[in-house]
Amino acid sequence: RRAVVPPRASLVDGSGGAAAAAVLLDAAVAGATGYSQASYYTSLGLFVLSVPGLWSLIKRSVKSKVVQKTFVKEEGQTMAPNQVAGEILSFFTRNNFTISDRGEVITFEGTMVPSRGQAALLTFCTCISLGSVGLVLSIAVPEGGNNWFWLMTLSPLAGVYYWTKASRKEEIKVKMILSDDGNVSEILVRGDDVQVEQMRKELKFSEKGMIYVKGIFET
């Protein structure tokens, strides 16, 4: 009797052998590098697309975001024109704003100064982003080794850029709308969103059509 021996797949003969060779080669590459090539290039592509966001963040940090909002007092509270005008004037005076134009619309003008907290936050975010750049480059260009992480030392430049460019002139325009009984029904404010939001909090206004919910850290 003769035993029937099934044919063995060859690495060089036939399509089945070529497929097996490709599988073994992919496995060897994955084992040598420690990561999937497809996952790596997908992550690299997404990272390259997001890197410009860092420069956009740095540029936006020195520019004001102008918003226009309509404020009202809480339901049931009346607002006498003289009282509201005094509160608004007191707020902007404390923040080093002066009146540059009087009329139906009052214009306050002041100088925005850089914030140390904002500079520190921007430097921290830049440091993390450059660390990510170094990580990707250390994989893509292994010849550089860990030297790519020295890019993180450039992060203080973002804080310096903000500190030297953040000073700017700002205008806040305020208009009070009176109701039939002579009280203030609405207050229209247009200007930098940080100043407008600070004004809302300090003077305890509510944005028209919005319900304000306090944060967990607010008292």
C-alpha atoms as a PDB file:
ATOM      1  CA  ARG A   1       0.000   0.000   0.000  1.00  0.00           C
ATOM      2  CA  ARG A   2       1.061   3.506  -0.689  1.00  0.00           C
ATOM      3  CA  ALA A   3       0.228   6.422   1.630  1.00  0.00           C
ATOM      4  CA  VAL A   4      -1.236   9.435  -0.121  1.00  0.00           C
ATOM      5  CA  VAL A   5       0.682  12.548   0.918  1.00  0.00           C
ATOM      6  CA  PRO A   6      -1.140  15.851   0.300  1.00  0.00           C
ATOM      7  CA  PRO A   7       0.850  18.333  -1.740  1.00  0.00           C
ATOM      8  CA  ARG A   8       2.558  21.047   0.293  1.00  0.00           C
ATOM      9  CA  ALA A   9       2.181  24.700  -0.597  1.00  0.00           C
ATOM     10  CA  SER A  10       5.317  26.223  -2.008  1.00  0.00           C
ATOM     11  CA  LEU A  11       6.473  29.754  -1.411  1.00  0.00           C
ATOM     12  CA  VAL A  12       7.579  30.088  -4.996  1.00  0.00           C
ATOM     13  CA  ASP A  13       5.258  27.921  -7.057  1.00  0.00           C
ATOM     14  CA  GLY A  14       1.618  28.780  -7.664  1.00  0.00           C
ATOM     15  CA  SER A  15      -0.709  31.592  -6.560  1.00  0.00           C
ATOM     16  CA  GLY A  16      -1.384  29.955  -3.184  1.00  0.00           C
ATOM     17  CA  GLY A  17       2.321  30.046  -2.395  1.00  0.00           C
ATOM     18  CA  ALA A  18       2.580  33.713  -3.324  1.00  0.00           C
ATOM     19  CA  ALA A  19      -0.368  34.626  -1.066  1.00  0.00           C
ATOM     20  CA  ALA A  20       1.183  32.700   1.816  1.00  0.00           C
ATOM     21  CA  ALA A  21       4.467  34.512   1.257  1.00  0.00           C
ATOM     22  CA  ALA A  22       2.687  37.891   1.345  1.00  0.00           C
ATOM     23  CA  VAL A  23       0.938  37.004   4.605  1.00  0.00           C
ATOM     24  CA  LEU A  24       4.198  35.898   6.186  1.00  0.00           C
ATOM     25  CA  LEU A  25       5.941  39.049   4.985  1.00  0.00           C
ATOM     26  CA  ASP A  26       3.228  41.326   6.446  1.00  0.00           C
ATOM     27  CA  ALA A  27       3.398  39.446   9.717  1.00  0.00           C
ATOM     28  CA  ALA A  28       7.171  39.804   9.791  1.00  0.00           C
ATOM     29  CA  VAL A  29       6.955  43.550   9.111  1.00  0.00           C
ATOM     30  CA  ALA A  30       4.303  44.042  11.806  1.00  0.00           C
ATOM     31  CA  GLY A  31       6.337  42.028  14.256  1.00  0.00           C
ATOM     32  CA  ALA A  32       9.501  43.993  13.486  1.00  0.00           C
ATOM     33  CA  THR A  33       7.934  47.444  13.749  1.00  0.00           C
ATOM     34  CA  GLY A  34       5.451  46.730  16.513  1.00  0.00           C
ATOM     35  CA  TYR A  35       2.543  48.519  14.804  1.00  0.00           C
ATOM     36  CA  SER A  36       0.226  48.127  11.838  1.00  0.00           C
ATOM     37  CA  GLN A  37       1.323  50.000   8.741  1.00  0.00           C
ATOM     38  CA  ALA A  38      -2.283  50.842   7.841  1.00  0.00           C
ATOM     39  CA  SER A  39      -3.008  52.209  11.309  1.00  0.00           C
ATOM     40  CA  TYR A  40       0.218  54.188  11.288  1.00  0.00           C
ATOM     41  CA  TYR A  41      -0.422  55.932   7.971  1.00  0.00           C
ATOM     42  CA  THR A  42      -4.046  56.600   8.888  1.00  0.00           C
ATOM     43  CA  SER A  43      -2.971  58.240  12.155  1.00  0.00           C
ATOM     44  CA  LEU A  44      -0.225  60.142  10.348  1.00  0.00           C
ATOM     45  CA  GLY A  45      -2.697  61.491   7.789  1.00  0.00           C
ATOM     46  CA  LEU A  46      -5.123  62.681  10.460  1.00  0.00           C
ATOM     47  CA  PHE A  47      -2.255  64.248  12.395  1.00  0.00           C
ATOM     48  CA  VAL A  48      -0.982  66.171   9.358  1.00  0.00           C
ATOM     49  CA  LEU A  49      -4.487  67.526   8.786  1.00  0.00           C
ATOM     50  CA  SER A  50      -4.764  68.723  12.397  1.00  0.00           C
ATOM     51  CA  VAL A  51      -1.320  70.366  12.711  1.00  0.00           C
ATOM     52  CA  PRO A  52      -2.454  73.621  11.020  1.00  0.00           C
ATOM     53  CA  GLY A  53      -4.977  73.993  13.848  1.00  0.00           C
ATOM     54  CA  LEU A  54      -2.083  74.753  16.216  1.00  0.00           C
ATOM     55  CA  TRP A  55      -1.001  77.786  14.199  1.00  0.00           C
ATOM     56  CA  SER A  56      -4.626  78.874  13.882  1.00  0.00           C
ATOM     57  CA  LEU A  57      -5.012  78.651  17.680  1.00  0.00           C
ATOM     58  CA  ILE A  58      -1.943  80.830  18.220  1.00  0.00           C
ATOM     59  CA  LYS A  59      -3.128  83.466  15.727  1.00  0.00           C
ATOM     60  CA  ARG A  60      -6.659  83.602  17.148  1.00  0.00           C
ATOM     61  CA  SER A  61      -5.349  84.109  20.668  1.00  0.00           C
ATOM     62  CA  VAL A  62      -4.369  87.722  19.874  1.00  0.00           C
ATOM     63  CA  LYS A  63      -7.580  88.631  18.064  1.00  0.00           C
ATOM     64  CA  SER A  64     -10.899  89.585  19.579  1.00  0.00           C
ATOM     65  CA  LYS A  65     -14.117  87.749  18.840  1.00  0.00           C
ATOM     66  CA  VAL A  66     -16.856  90.352  18.355  1.00  0.00           C
ATOM     67  CA  VAL A  67     -20.340  89.301  19.416  1.00  0.00           C
ATOM     68  CA  GLN A  68     -23.667  91.062  19.806  1.00  0.00           C
ATOM     69  CA  LYS A  69     -26.033  90.037  22.580  1.00  0.00           C
ATOM     70  CA  THR A  70     -29.295  91.270  24.054  1.00  0.00           C
ATOM     71  CA  PHE A  71     -29.562  91.259  27.836  1.00  0.00           C
ATOM     72  CA  VAL A  72     -32.540  91.559  30.168  1.00  0.00           C
ATOM     73  CA  LYS A  73     -32.961  91.483  33.915  1.00  0.00           C
ATOM     74  CA  GLU A  74     -34.444  88.486  35.651  1.00  0.00           C
ATOM     75  CA  GLU A  75     -38.193  88.164  35.398  1.00  0.00           C
ATOM     76  CA  GLY A  76     -40.048  90.534  37.687  1.00  0.00           C
ATOM     77  CA  GLN A  77     -37.123  92.947  38.182  1.00  0.00           C
ATOM     78  CA  THR A  78     -37.438  96.510  36.880  1.00  0.00           C
ATOM     79  CA  MET A  79     -34.528  98.441  35.438  1.00  0.00           C
ATOM     80  CA  ALA A  80     -34.546 102.204  35.866  1.00  0.00           C
ATOM     81  CA  PRO A  81     -32.498 103.896  33.113  1.00  0.00           C
ATOM     82  CA  ASN A  82     -30.315 105.900  35.508  1.00  0.00           C
ATOM     83  CA  GLN A  83     -29.569 102.859  37.657  1.00  0.00           C
ATOM     84  CA  VAL A  84     -28.670 100.636  34.694  1.00  0.00           C
ATOM     85  CA  ALA A  85     -26.538 103.363  33.103  1.00  0.00           C
ATOM     86  CA  GLY A  86     -24.689 103.848  36.383  1.00  0.00           C
ATOM     87  CA  GLU A  87     -23.998 100.121  36.756  1.00  0.00           C
ATOM     88  CA  ILE A  88     -22.718  99.843  33.189  1.00  0.00           C
ATOM     89  CA  LEU A  89     -20.533 102.940  33.517  1.00  0.00           C
ATOM     90  CA  SER A  90     -19.119 101.673  36.813  1.00  0.00           C
ATOM     91  CA  PHE A  91     -18.278  98.291  35.278  1.00  0.00           C
ATOM     92  CA  PHE A  92     -16.379  99.724  32.314  1.00  0.00           C
ATOM     93  CA  THR A  93     -14.617 102.316  34.474  1.00  0.00           C
ATOM     94  CA  ARG A  94     -13.292  99.552  36.732  1.00  0.00           C
ATOM     95  CA  ASN A  95     -11.964  97.807  33.635  1.00  0.00           C
ATOM     96  CA  ASN A  96     -10.145 100.938  32.398  1.00  0.00           C
ATOM     97  CA  PHE A  97     -12.625 101.815  29.639  1.00  0.00           C
ATOM     98  CA  THR A  98     -13.594 105.388  28.827  1.00  0.00           C
ATOM     99  CA  ILE A  99     -16.574 106.816  26.951  1.00  0.00           C
ATOM    100  CA  SER A 100     -15.549 107.798  23.442  1.00  0.00           C
ATOM    101  CA  ASP A 101     -19.000 108.562  22.043  1.00  0.00           C
ATOM    102  CA  ARG A 102     -22.301 109.514  23.678  1.00  0.00           C
ATOM    103  CA  GLY A 103     -25.705 109.290  22.101  1.00  0.00           C
ATOM    104  CA  GLU A 104     -28.380 106.694  21.535  1.00  0.00           C
ATOM    105  CA  VAL A 105     -25.531 104.196  21.396  1.00  0.00           C
ATOM    106  CA  ILE A 106     -22.787 104.676  23.989  1.00  0.00           C
ATOM    107  CA  THR A 107     -19.292 103.592  22.905  1.00  0.00           C
ATOM    108  CA  PHE A 108     -16.715 102.573  25.468  1.00  0.00           C
ATOM    109  CA  GLU A 109     -13.074 102.366  24.453  1.00  0.00           C
ATOM    110  CA  GLY A 110     -10.277 100.611  26.287  1.00  0.00           C
ATOM    111  CA  THR A 111      -7.059  98.674  25.896  1.00  0.00           C
ATOM    112  CA  MET A 112      -6.970  94.924  26.310  1.00  0.00           C
ATOM    113  CA  VAL A 113      -3.830  93.707  28.071  1.00  0.00           C
ATOM    114  CA  PRO A 114      -2.336  90.212  27.839  1.00  0.00           C
ATOM    115  CA  SER A 115      -3.228  87.664  30.475  1.00  0.00           C
ATOM    116  CA  ARG A 116      -0.553  85.549  32.162  1.00  0.00           C
ATOM    117  CA  GLY A 117      -2.978  82.666  32.483  1.00  0.00           C
ATOM    118  CA  GLN A 118      -3.777  82.771  28.765  1.00  0.00           C
ATOM    119  CA  ALA A 119      -0.071  82.884  27.890  1.00  0.00           C
ATOM    120  CA  ALA A 120       0.641  79.887  30.143  1.00  0.00           C
ATOM    121  CA  LEU A 121      -2.266  77.895  28.691  1.00  0.00           C
ATOM    122  CA  LEU A 122      -1.180  78.650  25.125  1.00  0.00           C
ATOM    123  CA  THR A 123       2.400  77.593  25.911  1.00  0.00           C
ATOM    124  CA  PHE A 124       1.162  74.349  27.477  1.00  0.00           C
ATOM    125  CA  CYS A 125      -1.074  73.488  24.496  1.00  0.00           C
ATOM    126  CA  THR A 126       1.781  74.219  22.089  1.00  0.00           C
ATOM    127  CA  CYS A 127       4.142  72.024  24.111  1.00  0.00           C
ATOM    128  CA  ILE A 128       1.722  69.085  23.937  1.00  0.00           C
ATOM    129  CA  SER A 129       1.203  69.587  20.194  1.00  0.00           C
ATOM    130  CA  LEU A 130       4.929  69.752  19.469  1.00  0.00           C
ATOM    131  CA  GLY A 131       5.426  66.650  21.595  1.00  0.00           C
ATOM    132  CA  SER A 132       2.936  64.873  19.331  1.00  0.00           C
ATOM    133  CA  VAL A 133       4.867  66.128  16.305  1.00  0.00           C
ATOM    134  CA  GLY A 134       8.066  64.727  17.783  1.00  0.00           C
ATOM    135  CA  LEU A 135       6.416  61.363  18.416  1.00  0.00           C
ATOM    136  CA  VAL A 136       5.174  61.056  14.832  1.00  0.00           C
ATOM    137  CA  LEU A 137       8.509  62.163  13.375  1.00  0.00           C
ATOM    138  CA  SER A 138      10.411  59.700  15.558  1.00  0.00           C
ATOM    139  CA  ILE A 139       8.378  56.916  13.928  1.00  0.00           C
ATOM    140  CA  ALA A 140       8.358  58.308  10.389  1.00  0.00           C
ATOM    141  CA  VAL A 141      12.029  59.325  10.411  1.00  0.00           C
ATOM    142  CA  PRO A 142      13.693  57.013  12.942  1.00  0.00           C
ATOM    143  CA  GLU A 143      17.139  58.338  12.024  1.00  0.00           C
ATOM    144  CA  GLY A 144      16.398  61.372  14.197  1.00  0.00           C
ATOM    145  CA  GLY A 145      15.675  59.226  17.235  1.00  0.00           C
ATOM    146  CA  ASN A 146      14.503  61.071  20.320  1.00  0.00           C
ATOM    147  CA  ASN A 147      16.020  64.318  19.052  1.00  0.00           C
ATOM    148  CA  TRP A 148      12.653  65.159  17.500  1.00  0.00           C
ATOM    149  CA  PHE A 149      11.273  65.795  20.967  1.00  0.00           C
ATOM    150  CA  TRP A 150      13.531  68.852  21.239  1.00  0.00           C
ATOM    151  CA  LEU A 151      10.798  70.583  19.215  1.00  0.00           C
ATOM    152  CA  MET A 152       8.942  70.946  22.505  1.00  0.00           C
ATOM    153  CA  THR A 153      11.494  73.541  23.607  1.00  0.00           C
ATOM    154  CA  LEU A 154       9.996  75.906  21.001  1.00  0.00           C
ATOM    155  CA  SER A 155       6.662  76.059  22.855  1.00  0.00           C
ATOM    156  CA  PRO A 156       7.553  79.218  24.888  1.00  0.00           C
ATOM    157  CA  LEU A 157       7.660  81.108  21.580  1.00  0.00           C
ATOM    158  CA  ALA A 158       3.864  80.792  21.400  1.00  0.00           C
ATOM    159  CA  GLY A 159       3.557  82.505  24.781  1.00  0.00           C
ATOM    160  CA  VAL A 160       5.976  85.249  23.680  1.00  0.00           C
ATOM    161  CA  TYR A 161       3.983  85.788  20.481  1.00  0.00           C
ATOM    162  CA  TYR A 162       0.773  86.146  22.468  1.00  0.00           C
ATOM    163  CA  TRP A 163       2.340  88.466  25.056  1.00  0.00           C
ATOM    164  CA  THR A 164       3.728  90.851  22.424  1.00  0.00           C
ATOM    165  CA  LYS A 165       0.636  90.881  20.182  1.00  0.00           C
ATOM    166  CA  ALA A 166      -2.292  90.650  22.586  1.00  0.00           C
ATOM    167  CA  SER A 167      -2.427  94.351  23.530  1.00  0.00           C
ATOM    168  CA  ARG A 168      -5.101  95.997  21.392  1.00  0.00           C
ATOM    169  CA  LYS A 169      -7.792  98.667  21.405  1.00  0.00           C
ATOM    170  CA  GLU A 170     -11.326  97.460  21.973  1.00  0.00           C
ATOM    171  CA  GLU A 171     -14.693  99.139  21.529  1.00  0.00           C
ATOM    172  CA  ILE A 172     -17.846  98.101  23.355  1.00  0.00           C
ATOM    173  CA  LYS A 173     -21.129  99.570  22.141  1.00  0.00           C
ATOM    174  CA  VAL A 174     -24.143  99.653  24.468  1.00  0.00           C
ATOM    175  CA  LYS A 175     -27.723 100.616  23.669  1.00  0.00           C
ATOM    176  CA  MET A 176     -30.625 100.666  26.130  1.00  0.00           C
ATOM    177  CA  ILE A 177     -34.162 100.113  24.845  1.00  0.00           C
ATOM    178  CA  LEU A 178     -36.942 101.594  26.970  1.00  0.00           C
ATOM    179  CA  SER A 179     -40.408 100.148  27.422  1.00  0.00           C
ATOM    180  CA  ASP A 180     -43.665 102.122  27.563  1.00  0.00           C
ATOM    181  CA  ASP A 181     -43.397 102.578  31.330  1.00  0.00           C
ATOM    182  CA  GLY A 182     -40.001 104.280  31.030  1.00  0.00           C
ATOM    183  CA  ASN A 183     -37.945 101.372  32.358  1.00  0.00           C
ATOM    184  CA  VAL A 184     -35.213  99.592  30.449  1.00  0.00           C
ATOM    185  CA  SER A 185     -36.582  96.517  28.728  1.00  0.00           C
ATOM    186  CA  GLU A 186     -33.483  95.354  26.842  1.00  0.00           C
ATOM    187  CA  ILE A 187     -29.789  96.157  26.666  1.00  0.00           C
ATOM    188  CA  LEU A 188     -27.955  95.593  23.397  1.00  0.00           C
ATOM    189  CA  VAL A 189     -24.204  95.075  23.738  1.00  0.00           C
ATOM    190  CA  ARG A 190     -21.668  94.588  20.935  1.00  0.00           C
ATOM    191  CA  GLY A 191     -17.965  93.967  21.493  1.00  0.00           C
ATOM    192  CA  ASP A 192     -15.323  91.480  22.572  1.00  0.00           C
ATOM    193  CA  ASP A 193     -16.952  88.281  23.815  1.00  0.00           C
ATOM    194  CA  VAL A 194     -14.774  88.093  26.944  1.00  0.00           C
ATOM    195  CA  GLN A 195     -15.743  91.592  28.081  1.00  0.00           C
ATOM    196  CA  VAL A 196     -19.397  91.076  27.183  1.00  0.00           C
ATOM    197  CA  GLU A 197     -19.567  87.825  29.171  1.00  0.00           C
ATOM    198  CA  GLN A 198     -17.787  89.417  32.133  1.00  0.00           C
ATOM    199  CA  MET A 199     -20.278  92.274  32.065  1.00  0.00           C
ATOM    200  CA  ARG A 200     -23.193  89.841  32.069  1.00  0.00           C
ATOM    201  CA  LYS A 201     -21.849  88.002  35.092  1.00  0.00           C
ATOM    202  CA  GLU A 202     -20.959  91.055  37.180  1.00  0.00           C
ATOM    203  CA  LEU A 203     -24.170  92.970  36.487  1.00  0.00           C
ATOM    204  CA  LYS A 204     -26.285  89.811  36.734  1.00  0.00           C
ATOM    205  CA  PHE A 205     -27.946  90.168  33.359  1.00  0.00           C
ATOM    206  CA  SER A 206     -29.595  87.322  31.467  1.00  0.00           C
ATOM    207  CA  GLU A 207     -29.300  86.843  27.734  1.00  0.00           C
ATOM    208  CA  LYS A 208     -32.658  87.230  26.051  1.00  0.00           C
ATOM    209  CA  GLY A 209     -34.228  83.916  25.135  1.00  0.00           C
ATOM    210  CA  MET A 210     -31.621  81.940  27.058  1.00  0.00           C
ATOM    211  CA  ILE A 211     -31.789  80.151  30.396  1.00  0.00           C
ATOM    212  CA  TYR A 212     -28.527  80.404  32.286  1.00  0.00           C
ATOM    213  CA  VAL A 213     -27.446  77.390  34.325  1.00  0.00           C
ATOM    214  CA  LYS A 214     -24.634  77.870  36.831  1.00  0.00           C
ATOM    215  CA  GLY A 215     -21.559  75.691  36.522  1.00  0.00           C
ATOM    216  CA  ILE A 216     -20.501  73.284  39.242  1.00  0.00           C
ATOM    217  CA  PHE A 217     -17.682  75.617  40.315  1.00  0.00           C
ATOM    218  CA  GLU A 218     -19.856  78.751  40.506  1.00  0.00           C
ATOM    219  CA  THR A 219     -21.336  79.936  43.784  1.00  0.00           C
END
